[in-house]
Amino acid sequence: MNKHLLVINAGSSSIKFAIYQIDTSLTELIANATGQIEGIGNQPNLTINSFEGLLLVNRKLSVDEVHDHKSAMTLMLDWLRNYLADGTLLAVGHRVVHGGQLYSTPILINANVLAELETLVHLAPLHQPNNLAIIHSILESMPYLPQVACFDTAFHRSQPDVAQRFAIPRRFTEEGVRPYGFHGLSYEYISTVLPRLDPKLSNARIIVAHLGSGASLCAIHNGQSIATTMGFSPLDGLMMGTRCGNIDPGVLLYFMDHHKMNVHTVEQLLYYQSGLLGVSGISSDMRTLLANDNPHAKEAIELFVYRIRREIGSLISALDGIDALVFTGGIGEHSPEIRSKICHKATWLDLELDDYANETSSIRISTYNSRISGWVVPTDENLVIANHTLQHVTF
């Protein structure tokens, strides 16, 4: 009988999932299918594809069927039971956005762990409740199924203490107001894969650019996070699709005083109306902006690149140098133009771009004479979660 693992990544209005089959030797996982329920509570739709890309399901759902994450999970589990009729589901691995200071590694979920994760909701109010709602839903319908939490913040707990503090009164630091960093599962995957591409990268000083609708940079040395651009929330650091990134706190005071904005209004502005969308006034999608001749689109692109170049300089300082620059994420993996703008406008990096390799999105995009090597590495957070989950399964 085939044995499987389920990986779940819950967003604000979606649930993405992946199914892996465990091979008989127990040494590796075989990707089986991926899918998502999106538009939860609005215009829900279920799509599922085999790992080879064959469309298995594409179904519009009614709001009566799927009105929240719990009902979406119930529908997904019903489909999964039929799909795995001749197999066994051994465990579920979850991407949980926030592990706070307590969790630096994945953990098997029990009542105590779940209670502790509930106490972290105030640190990630837009993400953590959805993660926990799915865990509760599975616990209700399949109470004996092991569930493993894998944290997006955990990879950054290796950073020196000085990188995990703000210059604020200690009482706030002690209650958890700290830089945490995110995209950790993506950075963990990249740091694992790089030594296979070039053994010299196993102990190198590396900056990874995870560029997508959410974007951040991470400085990695000897496979460990040294510094990252996201801080207390996923709002910090680089300019993103709809998020502003780093901003002078005085601007927030100005919004509240001069424009009489409340916390909710400021939150909506900074998370959903800023970034590429806010500057361009056109779109949050980099592909749309690159294809547009509007000067505001060009300004948004230039600001996006400028902020990345500035933060690269900051992270090089934290690393005391750099040996490699790695691009990943939707933009990082698929936009030769953005990669070219970043590299050609940072000639001081001593990264000599191979233009043909970059245009064809080869794995290595720097020349072999370049002092700093450049890479494009597709990330796979699901596989990281699946492998961690496998370590907690008893056969």
Protein backbone atom coordinates (compact mmCIF):
# COMPACT_ATOMS: atom_id res chain seq x y z
CA MET A 1 0.00 0.00 0.00
CA ASN A 2 1.35 3.43 -0.99
CA LYS A 3 2.20 5.85 1.81
CA HIS A 4 1.83 9.60 1.44
CA LEU A 5 2.49 12.94 3.12
CA LEU A 6 0.41 16.09 2.73
CA VAL A 7 1.93 19.60 2.81
CA ILE A 8 -0.34 22.61 3.43
CA ASN A 9 0.33 26.32 3.03
CA ALA A 10 -2.65 28.43 4.12
CA GLY A 11 -2.93 32.04 2.98
CA SER A 12 -5.46 34.73 3.77
CA SER A 13 -7.91 33.54 1.06
CA SER A 14 -6.33 30.35 -0.21
CA ILE A 15 -5.05 26.92 0.75
CA LYS A 16 -2.19 25.53 -1.31
CA PHE A 17 -1.24 21.89 -0.90
CA ALA A 18 1.13 19.23 -2.21
CA ILE A 19 1.04 15.44 -1.98
CA TYR A 20 4.18 13.33 -1.76
CA GLN A 21 4.57 9.56 -2.00
CA ILE A 22 7.20 7.92 0.19
CA ASP A 23 9.40 5.49 -1.70
CA THR A 24 9.98 1.99 -0.31
CA SER A 25 13.56 2.74 0.75
CA LEU A 26 12.34 5.73 2.84
CA THR A 27 15.24 7.79 1.54
CA GLU A 28 13.35 10.25 -0.63
CA LEU A 29 9.96 11.69 -1.42
CA ILE A 30 8.28 11.52 -4.80
CA ALA A 31 6.14 14.55 -5.73
CA ASN A 32 2.66 13.34 -6.65
CA ALA A 33 0.24 16.27 -7.04
CA THR A 34 -0.21 19.93 -6.19
CA GLY A 35 -3.31 22.07 -5.89
CA GLN A 36 -5.04 25.00 -4.32
CA ILE A 37 -8.38 26.32 -3.25
CA GLU A 38 -8.34 30.07 -3.90
CA GLY A 39 -10.92 32.81 -3.50
CA ILE A 40 -12.16 31.43 -0.18
CA GLY A 41 -15.29 33.31 0.91
CA ASN A 42 -15.58 35.16 -2.40
CA GLN A 43 -15.31 33.18 -5.66
CA PRO A 44 -13.76 29.88 -4.58
CA ASN A 45 -12.12 27.62 -7.12
CA LEU A 46 -10.35 24.27 -6.76
CA THR A 47 -7.51 23.34 -9.11
CA ILE A 48 -5.30 20.26 -8.82
CA ASN A 49 -2.49 19.13 -11.11
CA SER A 50 -0.36 16.02 -11.22
CA PHE A 51 3.35 16.62 -10.69
CA GLU A 52 3.80 16.10 -14.45
CA GLY A 53 1.43 19.02 -15.08
CA LEU A 54 -1.73 17.10 -16.01
CA LEU A 55 -4.86 18.96 -14.89
CA LEU A 56 -6.78 16.67 -12.54
CA VAL A 57 -9.43 19.08 -11.22
CA ASN A 58 -10.58 22.58 -12.18
CA ARG A 59 -13.84 23.27 -10.41
CA LYS A 60 -15.66 26.46 -9.50
CA LEU A 61 -17.17 26.22 -6.04
CA SER A 62 -20.08 28.02 -4.43
CA VAL A 63 -19.67 30.22 -1.38
CA ASP A 64 -22.09 27.86 0.37
CA GLU A 65 -19.60 25.03 -0.19
CA VAL A 66 -16.50 27.03 0.74
CA HIS A 67 -17.11 30.08 2.91
CA ASP A 68 -14.06 29.85 5.21
CA HIS A 69 -10.82 27.91 5.66
CA LYS A 70 -12.49 25.16 7.66
CA SER A 71 -15.06 24.38 4.96
CA ALA A 72 -12.33 24.58 2.30
CA MET A 73 -10.26 22.08 4.24
CA THR A 74 -13.23 19.72 4.62
CA LEU A 75 -13.77 19.72 0.85
CA MET A 76 -10.08 19.18 0.17
CA LEU A 77 -9.85 16.25 2.60
CA ASP A 78 -12.90 14.63 0.99
CA TRP A 79 -11.16 14.80 -2.38
CA LEU A 80 -7.93 13.50 -0.86
CA ARG A 81 -9.62 10.44 0.67
CA ASN A 82 -10.92 9.44 -2.75
CA TYR A 83 -7.60 10.20 -4.43
CA LEU A 84 -5.66 8.12 -1.92
CA ALA A 85 -8.22 5.29 -1.79
CA ASP A 86 -5.48 2.71 -2.39
CA GLY A 87 -2.95 4.40 -0.11
CA THR A 88 -2.38 5.77 3.37
CA LEU A 89 -1.88 9.35 4.53
CA LEU A 90 0.79 9.21 7.24
CA ALA A 91 1.11 12.85 8.29
CA VAL A 92 0.55 16.50 7.41
CA GLY A 93 3.24 19.17 7.33
CA HIS A 94 2.21 22.82 7.70
CA ARG A 95 3.91 26.07 6.81
CA VAL A 96 3.32 28.13 9.94
CA VAL A 97 4.39 31.73 9.50
CA HIS A 98 5.50 32.50 13.05
CA GLY A 99 7.41 30.43 15.58
CA GLY A 100 8.48 33.36 17.73
CA GLN A 101 11.70 33.01 19.72
CA LEU A 102 10.66 29.60 21.02
CA TYR A 103 10.67 27.48 17.86
CA SER A 104 13.86 27.24 15.83
CA THR A 105 13.11 23.79 14.37
CA PRO A 106 9.99 21.97 13.10
CA ILE A 107 7.90 20.34 15.80
CA LEU A 108 5.23 17.66 16.11
CA ILE A 109 2.01 19.41 17.08
CA ASN A 110 0.27 18.51 20.33
CA ALA A 111 -2.13 20.39 22.58
CA ASN A 112 0.65 22.29 24.34
CA VAL A 113 2.36 23.31 21.09
CA LEU A 114 -0.95 24.43 19.62
CA ALA A 115 -1.69 26.53 22.70
CA GLU A 116 1.75 28.18 22.44
CA LEU A 117 1.24 28.93 18.75
CA GLU A 118 -2.06 30.62 19.60
CA THR A 119 -0.13 33.04 21.83
CA LEU A 120 1.86 34.17 18.77
CA VAL A 121 -1.19 35.28 16.76
CA HIS A 122 -0.63 38.91 17.77
CA LEU A 123 2.80 38.76 16.08
CA ALA A 124 1.32 37.70 12.72
CA PRO A 125 -2.41 38.55 12.82
CA LEU A 126 -2.84 38.41 9.03
CA HIS A 127 -1.27 34.97 8.63
CA GLN A 128 -1.10 32.89 11.83
CA PRO A 129 -4.88 32.51 12.36
CA ASN A 130 -5.27 30.86 8.93
CA ASN A 131 -2.40 28.46 9.62
CA LEU A 132 -3.92 27.44 12.96
CA ALA A 133 -7.46 27.15 11.57
CA ILE A 134 -6.27 24.41 9.19
CA ILE A 135 -4.49 22.56 11.99
CA HIS A 136 -7.65 22.67 14.12
CA SER A 137 -9.77 21.49 11.19
CA ILE A 138 -7.60 18.43 10.58
CA LEU A 139 -7.44 17.74 14.30
CA GLU A 140 -11.24 17.61 14.41
CA SER A 141 -11.69 15.32 11.39
CA MET A 142 -8.55 13.17 11.73
CA PRO A 143 -7.46 13.47 15.38
CA TYR A 144 -4.86 10.69 15.25
CA LEU A 145 -3.07 11.98 12.14
CA PRO A 146 0.35 13.44 13.05
CA GLN A 147 0.76 17.10 12.15
CA VAL A 148 4.10 18.93 11.98
CA ALA A 149 4.60 22.70 12.12
CA CYS A 150 7.44 24.14 10.02
CA PHE A 151 8.11 27.79 10.73
CA ASP A 152 8.93 30.54 8.25
CA THR A 153 10.86 32.37 10.97
CA ALA A 154 12.92 29.41 12.25
CA PHE A 155 15.84 29.63 9.81
CA HIS A 156 16.72 33.10 11.09
CA ARG A 157 17.08 32.10 14.74
CA SER A 158 20.74 31.37 14.01
CA GLN A 159 21.41 35.10 13.62
CA PRO A 160 23.61 36.82 16.22
CA ASP A 161 21.69 38.42 19.06
CA VAL A 162 22.55 41.93 17.87
CA ALA A 163 20.69 41.23 14.59
CA GLN A 164 17.57 40.20 16.52
CA ARG A 165 16.99 43.44 18.42
CA PHE A 166 15.46 46.85 17.83
CA ALA A 167 16.70 50.00 19.59
CA ILE A 168 13.56 50.26 21.74
CA PRO A 169 12.96 50.00 25.50
CA ARG A 170 13.78 46.50 26.79
CA ARG A 171 10.27 45.83 28.04
CA PHE A 172 9.03 45.70 24.44
CA THR A 173 11.90 43.48 23.31
CA GLU A 174 11.10 41.09 26.16
CA GLU A 175 7.45 40.86 25.10
CA GLY A 176 8.51 39.79 21.62
CA VAL A 177 8.94 42.97 19.58
CA ARG A 178 12.02 41.81 17.66
CA PRO A 179 13.19 41.34 14.07
CA TYR A 180 12.20 37.78 13.16
CA GLY A 181 12.66 37.51 9.41
CA PHE A 182 10.53 35.41 7.05
CA HIS A 183 10.85 33.31 3.86
CA GLY A 184 12.93 31.00 6.06
CA LEU A 185 11.71 27.78 4.44
CA SER A 186 12.75 29.10 1.04
CA TYR A 187 16.18 30.13 2.31
CA GLU A 188 16.63 26.77 4.01
CA TYR A 189 15.97 25.01 0.71
CA ILE A 190 18.42 27.23 -1.20
CA SER A 191 21.16 26.76 1.40
CA THR A 192 20.71 22.98 1.13
CA VAL A 193 20.84 22.89 -2.68
CA LEU A 194 23.76 25.28 -3.31
CA PRO A 195 26.59 22.91 -2.25
CA ARG A 196 25.32 20.40 -4.83
CA LEU A 197 25.73 23.04 -7.53
CA ASP A 198 29.20 24.04 -6.37
CA PRO A 199 30.89 22.45 -3.31
CA LYS A 200 32.69 25.76 -2.63
CA LEU A 201 29.32 27.31 -1.75
CA SER A 202 28.86 25.10 1.33
CA ASN A 203 30.81 27.54 3.54
CA ALA A 204 30.62 30.64 1.34
CA ARG A 205 29.20 34.09 2.07
CA ILE A 206 25.97 34.18 0.07
CA ILE A 207 23.15 36.65 -0.45
CA VAL A 208 19.89 35.09 -1.61
CA ALA A 209 17.32 37.34 -3.27
CA HIS A 210 13.83 35.88 -2.85
CA LEU A 211 11.96 38.17 -5.22
CA GLY A 212 8.23 37.82 -5.82
CA SER A 213 5.02 39.49 -4.74
CA GLY A 214 6.64 39.21 -1.33
CA ALA A 215 10.36 39.96 -1.45
CA SER A 216 13.34 39.78 0.86
CA LEU A 217 17.09 39.20 0.94
CA CYS A 218 19.03 36.93 3.27
CA ALA A 219 22.73 36.89 4.11
CA ILE A 220 23.90 33.30 4.63
CA HIS A 221 27.30 32.04 5.82
CA ASN A 222 28.15 28.38 6.35
CA GLY A 223 24.51 27.57 5.59
CA GLN A 224 23.17 29.77 8.41
CA SER A 225 21.23 33.01 8.35
CA ILE A 226 23.32 36.00 9.41
CA ALA A 227 20.91 38.83 8.55
CA THR A 228 17.73 39.38 6.52
CA THR A 229 15.72 42.34 5.27
CA MET A 230 12.32 41.43 6.73
CA GLY A 231 12.02 42.22 10.42
CA PHE A 232 9.14 42.16 12.89
CA SER A 233 6.67 41.58 10.06
CA PRO A 234 6.66 40.59 6.37
CA LEU A 235 6.06 44.29 5.67
CA ASP A 236 9.67 45.31 6.28
CA GLY A 237 12.69 45.50 3.99
CA LEU A 238 12.37 45.47 0.21
CA MET A 239 9.64 47.08 -1.87
CA MET A 240 7.14 44.35 -2.86
CA GLY A 241 4.06 43.82 -5.03
CA THR A 242 1.67 45.74 -2.76
CA ARG A 243 3.80 46.22 0.38
CA CYS A 244 5.93 49.31 0.95
CA GLY A 245 8.92 47.65 2.61
CA ASN A 246 11.22 49.73 4.80
CA ILE A 247 9.72 53.12 5.64
CA ASP A 248 10.54 55.93 8.05
CA PRO A 249 8.32 55.50 11.15
CA GLY A 250 7.77 59.24 10.98
CA VAL A 251 5.72 58.69 7.82
CA LEU A 252 3.28 56.58 9.84
CA LEU A 253 3.00 59.31 12.45
CA TYR A 254 2.33 61.77 9.63
CA PHE A 255 -0.45 59.56 8.20
CA MET A 256 -2.12 59.29 11.60
CA ASP A 257 -1.76 62.94 12.53
CA HIS A 258 -2.19 64.76 9.22
CA HIS A 259 -4.60 62.36 7.49
CA LYS A 260 -6.29 61.08 10.69
CA MET A 261 -5.71 57.45 9.68
CA ASN A 262 -6.32 54.74 12.25
CA VAL A 263 -4.34 51.51 12.65
CA HIS A 264 -6.59 49.56 10.28
CA THR A 265 -6.39 52.21 7.55
CA VAL A 266 -2.59 52.39 7.80
CA GLU A 267 -2.39 48.60 7.69
CA GLN A 268 -4.46 48.46 4.51
CA LEU A 269 -2.36 51.21 2.92
CA LEU A 270 1.02 49.65 3.68
CA TYR A 271 0.13 46.01 3.02
CA TYR A 272 -2.25 46.21 0.06
CA GLN A 273 -1.98 49.62 -1.66
CA SER A 274 1.75 50.32 -1.76
CA GLY A 275 4.80 48.72 -3.38
CA LEU A 276 4.81 48.24 -7.16
CA LEU A 277 1.06 48.84 -7.27
CA GLY A 278 1.19 52.08 -5.30
CA VAL A 279 4.12 53.63 -7.17
CA SER A 280 2.99 52.60 -10.64
CA GLY A 281 -0.76 53.05 -10.15
CA ILE A 282 -1.05 50.24 -12.69
CA SER A 283 -0.29 46.79 -11.31
CA SER A 284 1.53 44.80 -8.63
CA ASP A 285 2.68 42.29 -11.27
CA MET A 286 6.24 42.85 -12.47
CA ARG A 287 5.47 41.23 -15.84
CA THR A 288 2.75 43.79 -16.51
CA LEU A 289 5.01 46.68 -15.55
CA LEU A 290 7.93 45.48 -17.68
CA ALA A 291 5.62 45.35 -20.70
CA ASN A 292 4.23 48.86 -20.06
CA ASP A 293 5.70 52.11 -21.44
CA ASN A 294 4.02 54.28 -18.83
CA PRO A 295 6.70 56.32 -17.00
CA HIS A 296 5.13 55.46 -13.66
CA ALA A 297 5.65 51.76 -14.42
CA LYS A 298 9.31 52.48 -15.16
CA GLU A 299 9.64 54.45 -11.91
CA ALA A 300 8.23 51.52 -9.94
CA ILE A 301 10.70 49.12 -11.55
CA GLU A 302 13.66 51.41 -10.93
CA LEU A 303 12.70 51.89 -7.29
CA PHE A 304 12.33 48.12 -6.86
CA VAL A 305 15.84 47.56 -8.25
CA TYR A 306 17.34 50.48 -6.31
CA ARG A 307 16.05 49.19 -2.98
CA ILE A 308 17.45 45.73 -3.68
CA ARG A 309 20.87 47.13 -4.56
CA ARG A 310 20.97 49.23 -1.37
CA GLU A 311 20.02 46.26 0.81
CA ILE A 312 22.60 44.05 -0.89
CA GLY A 313 25.22 46.55 0.24
CA SER A 314 23.92 46.37 3.80
CA LEU A 315 24.01 42.57 3.87
CA ILE A 316 27.53 42.46 2.42
CA SER A 317 28.57 44.53 5.44
CA ALA A 318 26.90 42.01 7.77
CA LEU A 319 28.73 39.16 5.99
CA ASP A 320 32.09 40.98 5.79
CA GLY A 321 32.10 40.26 2.05
CA ILE A 322 30.28 38.18 -0.54
CA ASP A 323 31.09 35.09 -2.64
CA ALA A 324 27.79 34.46 -4.43
CA LEU A 325 24.45 36.09 -5.28
CA VAL A 326 21.44 33.81 -5.77
CA PHE A 327 18.07 34.71 -7.28
CA THR A 328 14.89 32.81 -6.45
CA GLY A 329 11.12 33.44 -6.19
CA GLY A 330 8.74 34.30 -9.03
CA ILE A 331 10.58 37.44 -10.20
CA GLY A 332 14.02 36.18 -9.25
CA GLU A 333 13.59 32.96 -11.22
CA HIS A 334 11.72 34.27 -14.27
CA SER A 335 12.80 37.87 -14.94
CA PRO A 336 16.16 38.14 -16.74
CA GLU A 337 15.58 41.89 -17.10
CA ILE A 338 15.33 42.49 -13.36
CA ARG A 339 18.36 40.29 -12.67
CA SER A 340 20.31 42.20 -15.31
CA LYS A 341 19.33 45.60 -13.87
CA ILE A 342 20.43 44.51 -10.38
CA CYS A 343 23.76 43.06 -11.50
CA HIS A 344 24.78 45.62 -14.14
CA LYS A 345 24.01 48.53 -11.81
CA ALA A 346 26.12 46.98 -9.07
CA THR A 347 29.43 46.65 -10.90
CA TRP A 348 31.27 47.13 -7.58
CA LEU A 349 30.09 43.60 -6.71
CA ASP A 350 32.64 42.15 -9.15
CA LEU A 351 29.88 39.95 -10.51
CA GLU A 352 30.35 39.57 -14.24
CA LEU A 353 27.02 38.58 -15.74
CA ASP A 354 26.89 36.09 -18.61
CA ASP A 355 24.14 37.79 -20.61
CA TYR A 356 23.21 34.70 -22.62
CA ALA A 357 23.04 32.51 -19.51
CA ASN A 358 20.91 35.17 -17.82
CA GLU A 359 18.52 35.54 -20.76
CA THR A 360 17.99 31.77 -20.86
CA SER A 361 17.65 31.58 -17.05
CA SER A 362 20.49 29.08 -16.72
CA ILE A 363 21.39 27.90 -13.23
CA ARG A 364 24.70 29.76 -13.28
CA ILE A 365 24.37 33.26 -14.77
CA SER A 366 27.85 34.62 -14.10
CA THR A 367 30.93 34.05 -16.24
CA TYR A 368 33.50 31.59 -14.94
CA ASN A 369 35.99 34.45 -14.62
CA SER A 370 33.65 36.40 -12.34
CA ARG A 371 34.98 36.86 -8.79
CA ILE A 372 31.41 36.67 -7.45
CA SER A 373 29.27 33.86 -8.83
CA GLY A 374 25.64 34.43 -9.77
CA TRP A 375 22.90 31.80 -9.73
CA VAL A 376 19.22 31.23 -10.44
CA VAL A 377 17.83 28.49 -8.20
CA PRO A 378 14.09 27.64 -8.13
CA THR A 379 12.94 27.30 -4.55
CA ASP A 380 10.81 24.47 -3.14
CA GLU A 381 9.36 25.21 0.29
CA ASN A 382 6.95 22.28 0.00
CA LEU A 383 9.81 19.79 -0.25
CA VAL A 384 11.49 21.30 2.82
CA ILE A 385 8.26 20.89 4.80
CA ALA A 386 7.73 17.35 3.49
CA ASN A 387 11.25 16.28 4.46
CA HIS A 388 10.87 17.74 7.95
CA THR A 389 7.50 16.01 8.31
CA LEU A 390 9.00 12.69 7.22
CA GLN A 391 11.47 12.91 10.12
CA HIS A 392 8.55 12.94 12.57
CA VAL A 393 6.70 9.94 11.08
CA THR A 394 6.82 6.49 12.66
CA PHE A 395 6.41 3.57 10.23
